[in-house]
């Protein structure tokens, strides 16, 4: 085996190796669904939240050989279906999660194989309708994912993540100086399937 061929094989082997623990940025695209709101007035029917696309960004840094800390932000533009007899019938709504948490890789090495994710933080609800105002509530997330190393600085992820937000409103959740819509709820739950690219540095 000549030197050139040996050099090529060593280079390919290095590229195939999982990346060592390092700082990383992950960009996700996904689809999110779920709800938990109800009409404040009788018969208190459930209010559907439209399933829609969501985008997420995560900044990660090493904690130890198998774990990373993570700063996670995710944004969705959706609509609440207020019912056929309501006026207005829909409420455009932006839902943003801001969480601090981490990843734990089952196989013991950061950057490759299956992992569990989680975090705590806040949910920002931003209704886009006159007579409503934004609300911030505490929330958490948990997820399962898998990461494939492409090179030492690039990886592909697939992930399923669930969110829970503690709303605890009895009927005036988005009201601002006059109640355009009347919504209540104890908790909002959502599930998101997403794929992402991780860039190590």
N, C-alpha and C. Protein backbone atom coordinates (compact mmCIF):
# COMPACT_ATOMS: atom_id res chain seq x y z
N UNK A 1 0.86 -1.20 0.00
CA UNK A 1 0.00 0.00 0.00
C UNK A 1 0.90 1.24 0.00
N UNK A 2 0.70 2.14 -0.97
CA UNK A 2 1.57 3.31 -1.02
C UNK A 2 1.12 4.37 -0.02
N UNK A 3 1.99 5.36 0.15
CA UNK A 3 1.76 6.40 1.16
C UNK A 3 0.51 7.22 0.86
N UNK A 4 0.26 7.51 -0.42
CA UNK A 4 -0.90 8.32 -0.80
C UNK A 4 -2.20 7.61 -0.45
N UNK A 5 -2.25 6.30 -0.74
CA UNK A 5 -3.46 5.53 -0.43
C UNK A 5 -3.68 5.44 1.07
N UNK A 6 -2.60 5.24 1.83
CA UNK A 6 -2.70 5.18 3.28
C UNK A 6 -3.19 6.50 3.86
N UNK A 7 -2.70 7.59 3.30
CA UNK A 7 -3.12 8.92 3.76
C UNK A 7 -4.61 9.14 3.51
N UNK A 8 -5.10 8.69 2.35
CA UNK A 8 -6.53 8.83 2.04
C UNK A 8 -7.38 8.02 3.00
N UNK A 9 -6.95 6.79 3.31
CA UNK A 9 -7.72 5.95 4.24
C UNK A 9 -7.76 6.55 5.63
N UNK A 10 -6.64 7.11 6.09
CA UNK A 10 -6.61 7.74 7.41
C UNK A 10 -7.52 8.96 7.46
N UNK A 11 -7.53 9.73 6.38
CA UNK A 11 -8.40 10.92 6.32
C UNK A 11 -9.87 10.52 6.39
N UNK A 12 -10.26 9.49 5.62
CA UNK A 12 -11.65 9.02 5.65
C UNK A 12 -12.03 8.47 7.01
N UNK A 13 -11.10 7.79 7.66
CA UNK A 13 -11.38 7.25 8.99
C UNK A 13 -11.60 8.36 9.99
N UNK A 14 -10.81 9.42 9.89
CA UNK A 14 -10.97 10.56 10.82
C UNK A 14 -12.30 11.26 10.61
N UNK A 15 -12.69 11.41 9.32
CA UNK A 15 -13.97 12.07 9.04
C UNK A 15 -15.14 11.25 9.54
N UNK A 16 -15.01 9.94 9.56
CA UNK A 16 -16.11 9.07 10.00
C UNK A 16 -16.20 8.97 11.51
N UNK A 17 -15.13 9.35 12.22
CA UNK A 17 -15.15 9.28 13.68
C UNK A 17 -16.09 10.30 14.26
N UNK A 18 -16.79 10.00 15.39
CA UNK A 18 -17.64 11.00 16.03
C UNK A 18 -16.81 12.16 16.53
N UNK A 19 -17.38 13.35 16.47
CA UNK A 19 -16.66 14.53 16.91
C UNK A 19 -16.49 14.53 18.42
N UNK A 20 -15.36 15.01 18.93
CA UNK A 20 -15.20 15.12 20.37
C UNK A 20 -16.14 16.19 20.91
N UNK A 21 -16.32 16.17 22.23
CA UNK A 21 -17.18 17.16 22.86
C UNK A 21 -16.73 18.56 22.46
N UNK A 22 -17.67 19.38 21.97
CA UNK A 22 -17.33 20.70 21.49
C UNK A 22 -18.57 21.57 21.54
N UNK A 23 -18.34 22.87 21.32
CA UNK A 23 -19.46 23.78 21.19
C UNK A 23 -20.15 23.51 19.86
N UNK A 24 -21.44 23.79 19.81
CA UNK A 24 -22.20 23.51 18.58
C UNK A 24 -23.40 24.43 18.47
N UNK A 25 -23.83 24.63 17.24
CA UNK A 25 -25.08 25.33 16.93
C UNK A 25 -25.92 24.39 16.07
N UNK A 26 -27.18 24.19 16.45
CA UNK A 26 -28.08 23.33 15.68
C UNK A 26 -29.27 24.14 15.17
N UNK A 27 -29.54 24.00 13.89
CA UNK A 27 -30.69 24.66 13.26
C UNK A 27 -31.71 23.57 12.90
N UNK A 28 -32.94 23.71 13.41
CA UNK A 28 -33.99 22.72 13.21
C UNK A 28 -35.12 23.27 12.34
N UNK A 29 -35.75 22.38 11.57
CA UNK A 29 -37.04 22.65 10.93
C UNK A 29 -37.98 21.53 11.35
N UNK A 30 -39.24 21.89 11.67
CA UNK A 30 -40.15 20.86 12.16
C UNK A 30 -41.61 21.22 11.94
N UNK A 31 -42.47 20.35 12.44
CA UNK A 31 -43.91 20.56 12.41
C UNK A 31 -44.45 20.30 13.81
N UNK A 32 -45.30 21.21 14.31
CA UNK A 32 -45.76 21.16 15.70
C UNK A 32 -47.27 21.16 15.75
N UNK A 33 -47.83 20.37 16.68
CA UNK A 33 -49.27 20.33 16.88
C UNK A 33 -49.58 20.19 18.36
N UNK A 34 -50.83 20.50 18.72
CA UNK A 34 -51.27 20.38 20.11
C UNK A 34 -52.11 21.57 20.51
N UNK A 35 -52.72 21.48 21.69
CA UNK A 35 -53.55 22.58 22.20
C UNK A 35 -53.78 22.37 23.68
N UNK A 36 -54.80 23.02 24.21
CA UNK A 36 -55.11 22.96 25.63
C UNK A 36 -56.03 24.09 26.06
N UNK A 37 -56.38 24.95 25.10
CA UNK A 37 -57.28 26.06 25.39
C UNK A 37 -58.74 25.65 25.23
N UNK A 38 -59.63 26.37 25.94
CA UNK A 38 -61.07 26.16 25.86
C UNK A 38 -61.77 27.50 25.77
N UNK A 39 -63.01 27.48 25.28
CA UNK A 39 -63.85 28.67 25.32
C UNK A 39 -64.21 28.97 26.77
N UNK A 40 -64.10 30.24 27.15
CA UNK A 40 -64.41 30.61 28.54
C UNK A 40 -65.90 30.53 28.83
N UNK A 41 -66.72 30.75 27.81
CA UNK A 41 -68.18 30.70 27.99
C UNK A 41 -68.69 29.29 27.75
N UNK A 42 -69.81 28.95 28.38
CA UNK A 42 -70.46 27.66 28.18
C UNK A 42 -70.80 27.48 26.70
N UNK A 43 -70.58 26.32 26.14
CA UNK A 43 -70.34 25.00 26.73
C UNK A 43 -68.85 24.66 26.91
N UNK A 44 -67.97 25.67 26.90
CA UNK A 44 -66.54 25.46 27.15
C UNK A 44 -65.91 24.47 26.18
N UNK A 45 -66.25 24.61 24.90
CA UNK A 45 -65.68 23.72 23.88
C UNK A 45 -64.17 23.92 23.75
N UNK A 46 -63.49 22.84 23.37
CA UNK A 46 -62.05 22.91 23.13
C UNK A 46 -61.76 23.82 21.93
N UNK A 47 -60.68 24.57 22.02
CA UNK A 47 -60.24 25.45 20.93
C UNK A 47 -59.05 24.79 20.24
N UNK A 48 -59.24 24.49 18.97
CA UNK A 48 -58.17 23.84 18.21
C UNK A 48 -57.08 24.83 17.86
N UNK A 49 -55.84 24.36 17.93
CA UNK A 49 -54.70 25.12 17.45
C UNK A 49 -54.20 24.47 16.17
N UNK A 50 -54.10 25.24 15.10
CA UNK A 50 -53.70 24.68 13.82
C UNK A 50 -52.28 24.11 13.89
N UNK A 51 -52.09 22.91 13.36
CA UNK A 51 -50.75 22.36 13.21
C UNK A 51 -50.02 23.18 12.14
N UNK A 52 -48.75 23.45 12.37
CA UNK A 52 -48.00 24.27 11.42
C UNK A 52 -46.51 24.04 11.58
N UNK A 53 -45.75 24.62 10.66
CA UNK A 53 -44.29 24.50 10.70
C UNK A 53 -43.72 25.31 11.86
N UNK A 54 -42.55 24.90 12.31
CA UNK A 54 -41.84 25.61 13.38
C UNK A 54 -40.35 25.59 13.08
N UNK A 55 -39.66 26.61 13.51
CA UNK A 55 -38.20 26.68 13.37
C UNK A 55 -37.55 26.82 14.73
N UNK A 56 -36.41 26.16 14.92
CA UNK A 56 -35.74 26.18 16.22
C UNK A 56 -34.24 26.39 16.04
N UNK A 57 -33.63 26.95 17.08
CA UNK A 57 -32.19 27.17 17.13
C UNK A 57 -31.69 26.76 18.49
N UNK A 58 -30.61 25.96 18.53
CA UNK A 58 -30.03 25.52 19.79
C UNK A 58 -28.54 25.85 19.80
N UNK A 59 -28.07 26.37 20.93
CA UNK A 59 -26.64 26.59 21.16
C UNK A 59 -26.22 25.63 22.26
N UNK A 60 -25.18 24.83 22.01
CA UNK A 60 -24.78 23.77 22.93
C UNK A 60 -23.31 23.87 23.27
N UNK A 61 -22.98 23.50 24.50
CA UNK A 61 -21.58 23.47 24.93
C UNK A 61 -21.38 22.29 25.88
N UNK A 62 -20.16 21.75 25.97
CA UNK A 62 -19.93 20.51 26.72
C UNK A 62 -20.17 20.67 28.22
N UNK A 63 -20.72 19.62 28.82
CA UNK A 63 -20.79 19.50 30.28
C UNK A 63 -19.83 18.42 30.75
N UNK A 64 -19.90 17.24 30.10
CA UNK A 64 -18.91 16.19 30.31
C UNK A 64 -18.85 15.35 29.03
N UNK A 65 -18.26 14.16 29.09
CA UNK A 65 -18.04 13.36 27.89
C UNK A 65 -19.33 12.90 27.22
N UNK A 66 -20.42 12.79 27.97
CA UNK A 66 -21.67 12.27 27.39
C UNK A 66 -22.83 13.26 27.44
N UNK A 67 -22.60 14.46 27.97
CA UNK A 67 -23.68 15.42 28.13
C UNK A 67 -23.29 16.81 27.63
N UNK A 68 -24.30 17.52 27.12
CA UNK A 68 -24.14 18.90 26.69
C UNK A 68 -25.21 19.76 27.35
N UNK A 69 -24.87 20.98 27.66
CA UNK A 69 -25.86 21.97 28.05
C UNK A 69 -26.40 22.61 26.78
N UNK A 70 -27.65 23.06 26.85
CA UNK A 70 -28.30 23.58 25.64
C UNK A 70 -29.16 24.80 25.95
N UNK A 71 -29.00 25.84 25.15
CA UNK A 71 -29.90 27.00 25.13
C UNK A 71 -30.76 26.85 23.88
N UNK A 72 -32.09 26.75 24.08
CA UNK A 72 -33.00 26.34 23.01
C UNK A 72 -34.08 27.38 22.79
N UNK A 73 -34.29 27.77 21.53
CA UNK A 73 -35.37 28.70 21.17
C UNK A 73 -36.13 28.12 19.99
N UNK A 74 -37.47 28.15 20.07
CA UNK A 74 -38.30 27.60 19.00
C UNK A 74 -39.51 28.50 18.76
N UNK A 75 -39.83 28.72 17.49
CA UNK A 75 -40.89 29.68 17.13
C UNK A 75 -41.87 29.04 16.15
N UNK A 76 -43.15 29.31 16.39
CA UNK A 76 -44.23 28.80 15.54
C UNK A 76 -45.26 29.90 15.30
N UNK A 77 -45.73 30.01 14.07
CA UNK A 77 -46.85 30.88 13.73
C UNK A 77 -48.05 29.99 13.46
N UNK A 78 -49.13 30.18 14.23
CA UNK A 78 -50.30 29.32 14.12
C UNK A 78 -51.58 30.14 14.28
N UNK A 79 -52.71 29.46 14.35
CA UNK A 79 -54.01 30.11 14.56
C UNK A 79 -54.85 29.28 15.51
N UNK A 80 -55.63 29.97 16.34
CA UNK A 80 -56.61 29.31 17.19
C UNK A 80 -57.97 29.38 16.51
N UNK A 81 -58.64 28.24 16.40
CA UNK A 81 -59.97 28.17 15.81
C UNK A 81 -60.99 28.43 16.93
N UNK A 82 -61.57 29.61 16.96
CA UNK A 82 -62.45 30.02 18.06
C UNK A 82 -63.88 29.51 17.92
N UNK A 83 -64.21 28.90 16.78
CA UNK A 83 -65.56 28.35 16.60
C UNK A 83 -66.35 29.08 15.54
N UNK A 84 -67.32 28.38 14.96
CA UNK A 84 -68.10 28.93 13.84
C UNK A 84 -68.97 30.11 14.26
N UNK A 85 -69.37 30.16 15.53
CA UNK A 85 -70.26 31.24 15.98
C UNK A 85 -69.50 32.40 16.62
N UNK A 86 -68.20 32.28 16.76
CA UNK A 86 -67.40 33.33 17.41
C UNK A 86 -67.10 34.45 16.42
N UNK A 87 -66.84 35.61 16.96
CA UNK A 87 -66.43 36.75 16.14
C UNK A 87 -65.29 37.49 16.85
N UNK A 88 -64.08 37.42 16.33
CA UNK A 88 -63.67 36.75 15.09
C UNK A 88 -63.63 35.23 15.26
N UNK A 89 -63.54 34.52 14.14
CA UNK A 89 -63.54 33.06 14.18
C UNK A 89 -62.15 32.48 14.41
N UNK A 90 -61.11 33.27 14.12
CA UNK A 90 -59.74 32.80 14.30
C UNK A 90 -58.89 33.84 15.01
N UNK A 91 -57.91 33.35 15.75
CA UNK A 91 -56.96 34.24 16.41
C UNK A 91 -55.56 33.86 15.95
N UNK A 92 -54.90 34.70 15.11
CA UNK A 92 -53.51 34.44 14.75
C UNK A 92 -52.63 34.52 16.00
N UNK A 93 -51.72 33.56 16.14
CA UNK A 93 -50.95 33.46 17.37
C UNK A 93 -49.53 32.99 17.07
N UNK A 94 -48.55 33.70 17.64
CA UNK A 94 -47.16 33.25 17.61
C UNK A 94 -46.83 32.61 18.95
N UNK A 95 -46.19 31.44 18.91
CA UNK A 95 -45.81 30.71 20.13
C UNK A 95 -44.29 30.51 20.09
N UNK A 96 -43.60 31.04 21.10
CA UNK A 96 -42.15 30.95 21.16
C UNK A 96 -41.71 30.34 22.48
N UNK A 97 -40.85 29.32 22.40
CA UNK A 97 -40.26 28.70 23.60
C UNK A 97 -38.82 29.16 23.75
N UNK A 98 -38.45 29.53 24.98
CA UNK A 98 -37.07 29.87 25.34
C UNK A 98 -36.69 29.03 26.54
N UNK A 99 -35.80 28.05 26.35
CA UNK A 99 -35.49 27.07 27.39
C UNK A 99 -33.99 26.90 27.58
N UNK A 100 -33.59 26.59 28.80
CA UNK A 100 -32.23 26.17 29.11
C UNK A 100 -32.29 24.73 29.60
N UNK A 101 -31.44 23.87 29.05
CA UNK A 101 -31.48 22.46 29.41
C UNK A 101 -30.24 21.74 28.93
N UNK A 102 -30.44 20.54 28.38
CA UNK A 102 -29.28 19.79 27.93
C UNK A 102 -29.63 18.52 27.20
N UNK A 103 -28.58 17.82 26.73
CA UNK A 103 -28.67 16.55 26.03
C UNK A 103 -27.84 15.52 26.76
N UNK A 104 -28.33 14.28 26.81
CA UNK A 104 -27.59 13.17 27.41
C UNK A 104 -27.56 12.03 26.39
N UNK A 105 -26.37 11.69 25.89
CA UNK A 105 -26.21 10.65 24.87
C UNK A 105 -26.12 9.28 25.52
N UNK A 106 -26.99 8.35 25.07
CA UNK A 106 -27.07 7.02 25.67
C UNK A 106 -25.79 6.22 25.51
N UNK A 107 -25.10 6.40 24.38
CA UNK A 107 -23.91 5.59 24.10
C UNK A 107 -22.65 6.15 24.75
N UNK A 108 -22.79 7.24 25.48
CA UNK A 108 -21.68 7.74 26.28
C UNK A 108 -20.75 8.71 25.60
N UNK A 109 -20.99 9.05 24.33
CA UNK A 109 -20.13 9.98 23.62
C UNK A 109 -20.96 11.09 23.01
N UNK A 110 -20.64 12.33 23.35
CA UNK A 110 -21.36 13.47 22.78
C UNK A 110 -21.17 13.49 21.27
N UNK A 111 -22.26 13.68 20.55
CA UNK A 111 -22.18 13.88 19.12
C UNK A 111 -22.54 12.69 18.26
N UNK A 112 -22.90 11.54 18.88
CA UNK A 112 -23.26 10.39 18.05
C UNK A 112 -24.28 9.51 18.76
N UNK A 113 -25.22 8.95 17.99
CA UNK A 113 -26.17 7.99 18.53
C UNK A 113 -27.40 8.61 19.16
N UNK A 114 -28.17 7.81 19.89
CA UNK A 114 -29.42 8.29 20.51
C UNK A 114 -29.15 9.17 21.73
N UNK A 115 -30.09 10.08 21.99
CA UNK A 115 -29.95 10.97 23.15
C UNK A 115 -31.33 11.35 23.67
N UNK A 116 -31.36 11.80 24.92
CA UNK A 116 -32.55 12.37 25.52
C UNK A 116 -32.28 13.85 25.76
N UNK A 117 -33.30 14.67 25.52
CA UNK A 117 -33.17 16.13 25.68
C UNK A 117 -34.20 16.63 26.66
N UNK A 118 -33.95 17.78 27.25
CA UNK A 118 -34.91 18.39 28.16
C UNK A 118 -34.52 19.81 28.50
N UNK A 119 -35.50 20.57 29.00
CA UNK A 119 -35.20 21.94 29.38
C UNK A 119 -36.36 22.60 30.10
N UNK A 120 -36.04 23.70 30.77
CA UNK A 120 -37.01 24.53 31.49
C UNK A 120 -36.88 25.96 31.02
N UNK A 121 -38.00 26.69 31.05
CA UNK A 121 -37.94 28.09 30.65
C UNK A 121 -39.31 28.72 30.58
N UNK A 122 -39.54 29.47 29.52
CA UNK A 122 -40.81 30.20 29.38
C UNK A 122 -41.36 30.01 27.97
N UNK A 123 -42.68 30.20 27.87
CA UNK A 123 -43.38 30.27 26.60
C UNK A 123 -43.92 31.68 26.44
N UNK A 124 -43.67 32.29 25.27
CA UNK A 124 -44.20 33.62 24.96
C UNK A 124 -45.33 33.46 23.96
N UNK A 125 -46.55 33.84 24.37
CA UNK A 125 -47.71 33.84 23.49
C UNK A 125 -47.91 35.25 22.96
N UNK A 126 -47.93 35.40 21.65
CA UNK A 126 -48.06 36.73 21.04
C UNK A 126 -49.24 36.72 20.06
N UNK A 127 -50.46 37.04 20.53
CA UNK A 127 -51.63 37.07 19.64
C UNK A 127 -51.56 38.28 18.72
N UNK A 128 -51.97 38.08 17.47
CA UNK A 128 -51.90 39.14 16.46
C UNK A 128 -53.31 39.62 16.12
N UNK A 129 -53.96 40.25 17.12
CA UNK A 129 -55.33 40.73 16.96
C UNK A 129 -55.54 41.93 17.87
N UNK A 130 -56.21 42.94 17.36
CA UNK A 130 -56.50 44.13 18.17
C UNK A 130 -57.28 43.75 19.41
N UNK A 131 -56.95 44.37 20.55
CA UNK A 131 -57.65 44.09 21.80
C UNK A 131 -57.06 42.93 22.57
N UNK A 132 -55.92 42.39 22.11
CA UNK A 132 -55.24 41.31 22.82
C UNK A 132 -53.82 41.73 23.15
N UNK A 133 -53.20 41.02 24.06
CA UNK A 133 -51.81 41.33 24.43
C UNK A 133 -51.05 40.04 24.70
N UNK A 134 -49.73 40.15 24.68
CA UNK A 134 -48.87 38.99 24.86
C UNK A 134 -48.90 38.49 26.30
N UNK A 135 -48.59 37.20 26.46
CA UNK A 135 -48.50 36.58 27.78
C UNK A 135 -47.25 35.71 27.83
N UNK A 136 -46.64 35.62 29.02
CA UNK A 136 -45.46 34.77 29.24
C UNK A 136 -45.80 33.80 30.37
N UNK A 137 -45.54 32.51 30.14
CA UNK A 137 -45.81 31.48 31.14
C UNK A 137 -44.63 30.50 31.23
N UNK A 138 -44.46 29.89 32.40
CA UNK A 138 -43.43 28.89 32.59
C UNK A 138 -43.72 27.63 31.80
N UNK A 139 -42.67 26.95 31.35
CA UNK A 139 -42.86 25.75 30.52
C UNK A 139 -41.64 24.83 30.61
N UNK A 140 -41.80 23.64 30.06
CA UNK A 140 -40.71 22.66 30.01
C UNK A 140 -40.81 21.87 28.72
N UNK A 141 -39.71 21.18 28.38
CA UNK A 141 -39.73 20.30 27.22
C UNK A 141 -38.94 19.04 27.52
N UNK A 142 -39.31 17.93 26.87
CA UNK A 142 -38.56 16.68 26.91
C UNK A 142 -38.55 16.12 25.49
N UNK A 143 -37.46 15.42 25.14
CA UNK A 143 -37.38 14.90 23.79
C UNK A 143 -36.47 13.71 23.67
N UNK A 144 -36.63 12.99 22.56
CA UNK A 144 -35.76 11.88 22.18
C UNK A 144 -35.24 12.16 20.78
N UNK A 145 -33.96 11.88 20.56
CA UNK A 145 -33.39 12.14 19.25
C UNK A 145 -32.28 11.18 18.90
N UNK A 146 -31.79 11.34 17.67
CA UNK A 146 -30.67 10.55 17.19
C UNK A 146 -29.79 11.46 16.35
N UNK A 147 -28.47 11.32 16.52
CA UNK A 147 -27.53 12.16 15.79
C UNK A 147 -26.55 11.29 15.00
N UNK A 148 -26.40 11.65 13.70
CA UNK A 148 -25.43 11.00 12.82
C UNK A 148 -24.31 11.98 12.51
N UNK A 149 -23.08 11.61 12.74
CA UNK A 149 -21.95 12.45 12.38
C UNK A 149 -21.66 12.32 10.89
N UNK A 150 -21.58 13.44 10.20
CA UNK A 150 -21.23 13.47 8.78
C UNK A 150 -19.74 13.74 8.64
N UNK A 151 -19.26 14.78 9.31
CA UNK A 151 -17.83 15.05 9.46
C UNK A 151 -17.60 15.40 10.92
N UNK A 152 -16.39 15.77 11.26
CA UNK A 152 -16.10 16.13 12.65
C UNK A 152 -16.79 17.43 13.06
N UNK A 153 -17.21 18.23 12.09
CA UNK A 153 -17.84 19.51 12.41
C UNK A 153 -19.28 19.61 11.93
N UNK A 154 -19.83 18.54 11.38
CA UNK A 154 -21.19 18.59 10.83
C UNK A 154 -21.92 17.29 11.16
N UNK A 155 -23.17 17.41 11.62
CA UNK A 155 -23.97 16.23 11.97
C UNK A 155 -25.43 16.48 11.60
N UNK A 156 -26.17 15.38 11.45
CA UNK A 156 -27.60 15.41 11.17
C UNK A 156 -28.35 14.87 12.38
N UNK A 157 -29.44 15.54 12.74
CA UNK A 157 -30.28 15.09 13.86
C UNK A 157 -31.72 14.90 13.41
N UNK A 158 -32.39 13.92 14.02
CA UNK A 158 -33.85 13.83 13.98
C UNK A 158 -34.32 13.77 15.43
N UNK A 159 -35.45 14.40 15.70
CA UNK A 159 -35.86 14.54 17.10
C UNK A 159 -37.37 14.65 17.22
N UNK A 160 -37.91 14.08 18.29
CA UNK A 160 -39.30 14.24 18.67
C UNK A 160 -39.31 14.89 20.04
N UNK A 161 -39.93 16.08 20.14
CA UNK A 161 -39.88 16.83 21.39
C UNK A 161 -41.29 17.24 21.81
N UNK A 162 -41.58 17.10 23.11
CA UNK A 162 -42.87 17.51 23.65
C UNK A 162 -42.71 18.72 24.55
N UNK A 163 -43.74 19.58 24.57
CA UNK A 163 -43.73 20.82 25.36
C UNK A 163 -44.97 20.87 26.25
N UNK A 164 -44.79 21.41 27.45
CA UNK A 164 -45.92 21.65 28.35
C UNK A 164 -45.79 23.05 28.93
N UNK A 165 -46.86 23.85 28.81
CA UNK A 165 -46.87 25.21 29.33
C UNK A 165 -47.99 25.35 30.34
N UNK A 166 -47.69 25.95 31.48
CA UNK A 166 -48.65 26.09 32.58
C UNK A 166 -49.40 27.42 32.42
N UNK A 167 -50.61 27.34 31.86
CA UNK A 167 -51.38 28.53 31.50
C UNK A 167 -52.16 29.08 32.70
N UNK A 168 -53.01 28.25 33.28
CA UNK A 168 -53.81 28.59 34.47
C UNK A 168 -54.55 29.92 34.31
N UNK A 169 -55.45 29.95 33.34
CA UNK A 169 -56.29 31.13 33.10
C UNK A 169 -57.75 30.73 33.15
N UNK A 170 -58.58 31.57 33.76
CA UNK A 170 -60.00 31.23 33.92
C UNK A 170 -60.90 31.91 32.90
N UNK A 171 -60.31 32.71 31.97
CA UNK A 171 -61.21 33.27 30.96
C UNK A 171 -60.79 34.56 30.32
N UNK A 172 -59.68 35.16 30.71
CA UNK A 172 -59.29 36.43 30.10
C UNK A 172 -57.82 36.40 29.73
N UNK A 173 -57.38 35.28 29.17
CA UNK A 173 -55.95 35.06 28.98
C UNK A 173 -55.29 36.10 28.09
N UNK A 174 -55.91 36.45 26.96
CA UNK A 174 -55.30 37.40 26.03
C UNK A 174 -55.94 38.78 26.09
N UNK A 175 -56.79 39.03 27.07
CA UNK A 175 -57.53 40.30 27.12
C UNK A 175 -56.60 41.47 27.42
N UNK A 176 -56.89 42.62 26.77
CA UNK A 176 -56.10 43.83 26.99
C UNK A 176 -57.00 45.04 26.83
N UNK A 177 -57.54 45.53 27.95
CA UNK A 177 -58.38 46.72 27.94
C UNK A 177 -59.76 46.50 27.36
N UNK A 178 -60.15 45.30 27.10
CA UNK A 178 -61.42 44.95 26.49
C UNK A 178 -61.25 43.58 25.88
N UNK A 179 -62.17 42.69 26.14
CA UNK A 179 -61.96 41.29 25.80
C UNK A 179 -62.47 41.00 24.40
N UNK A 180 -61.55 40.99 23.42
CA UNK A 180 -61.92 40.64 22.06
C UNK A 180 -62.23 39.16 21.94
N UNK A 181 -61.43 38.34 22.64
CA UNK A 181 -61.65 36.89 22.67
C UNK A 181 -61.64 36.45 24.13
N UNK A 182 -62.35 35.38 24.42
CA UNK A 182 -62.45 34.88 25.79
C UNK A 182 -62.00 33.43 25.83
N UNK A 183 -60.79 33.23 26.37
CA UNK A 183 -60.13 31.92 26.34
C UNK A 183 -59.67 31.55 27.74
N UNK A 184 -59.75 30.26 28.06
CA UNK A 184 -59.21 29.79 29.32
C UNK A 184 -58.45 28.49 29.09
N UNK A 185 -57.73 28.04 30.12
CA UNK A 185 -57.00 26.78 30.01
C UNK A 185 -56.08 26.59 31.19
N UNK A 186 -55.77 25.35 31.49
CA UNK A 186 -54.83 25.03 32.56
C UNK A 186 -53.43 24.81 32.02
N UNK A 187 -53.31 24.11 30.90
CA UNK A 187 -52.00 23.80 30.34
C UNK A 187 -52.11 23.65 28.83
N UNK A 188 -51.08 24.10 28.15
CA UNK A 188 -50.94 23.88 26.71
C UNK A 188 -49.92 22.77 26.51
N UNK A 189 -50.25 21.77 25.73
CA UNK A 189 -49.30 20.70 25.40
C UNK A 189 -49.14 20.64 23.89
N UNK A 190 -47.89 20.47 23.44
CA UNK A 190 -47.59 20.36 22.02
C UNK A 190 -46.53 19.29 21.80
N UNK A 191 -46.56 18.70 20.61
CA UNK A 191 -45.55 17.72 20.20
C UNK A 191 -44.99 18.18 18.86
N UNK A 192 -43.67 18.07 18.72
CA UNK A 192 -43.01 18.52 17.49
C UNK A 192 -42.05 17.46 16.97
N UNK A 193 -42.15 17.16 15.67
CA UNK A 193 -41.18 16.31 14.99
C UNK A 193 -40.27 17.23 14.18
N UNK A 194 -38.95 17.06 14.30
CA UNK A 194 -38.05 17.97 13.63
C UNK A 194 -36.75 17.29 13.21
N UNK A 195 -36.10 17.92 12.24
CA UNK A 195 -34.79 17.49 11.79
C UNK A 195 -33.88 18.70 11.80
N UNK A 196 -32.60 18.46 12.06
CA UNK A 196 -31.69 19.58 12.19
C UNK A 196 -30.28 19.27 11.72
N UNK A 197 -29.54 20.33 11.44
CA UNK A 197 -28.13 20.25 11.14
C UNK A 197 -27.34 20.87 12.28
N UNK A 198 -26.33 20.15 12.76
CA UNK A 198 -25.50 20.60 13.86
C UNK A 198 -24.11 20.97 13.34
N UNK A 199 -23.69 22.19 13.68
CA UNK A 199 -22.38 22.69 13.26
C UNK A 199 -21.50 22.83 14.49
N UNK A 200 -20.43 22.06 14.56
CA UNK A 200 -19.52 22.12 15.70
C UNK A 200 -18.42 23.14 15.48
N UNK A 201 -17.94 23.72 16.57
CA UNK A 201 -16.84 24.69 16.46
C UNK A 201 -16.02 24.71 17.75
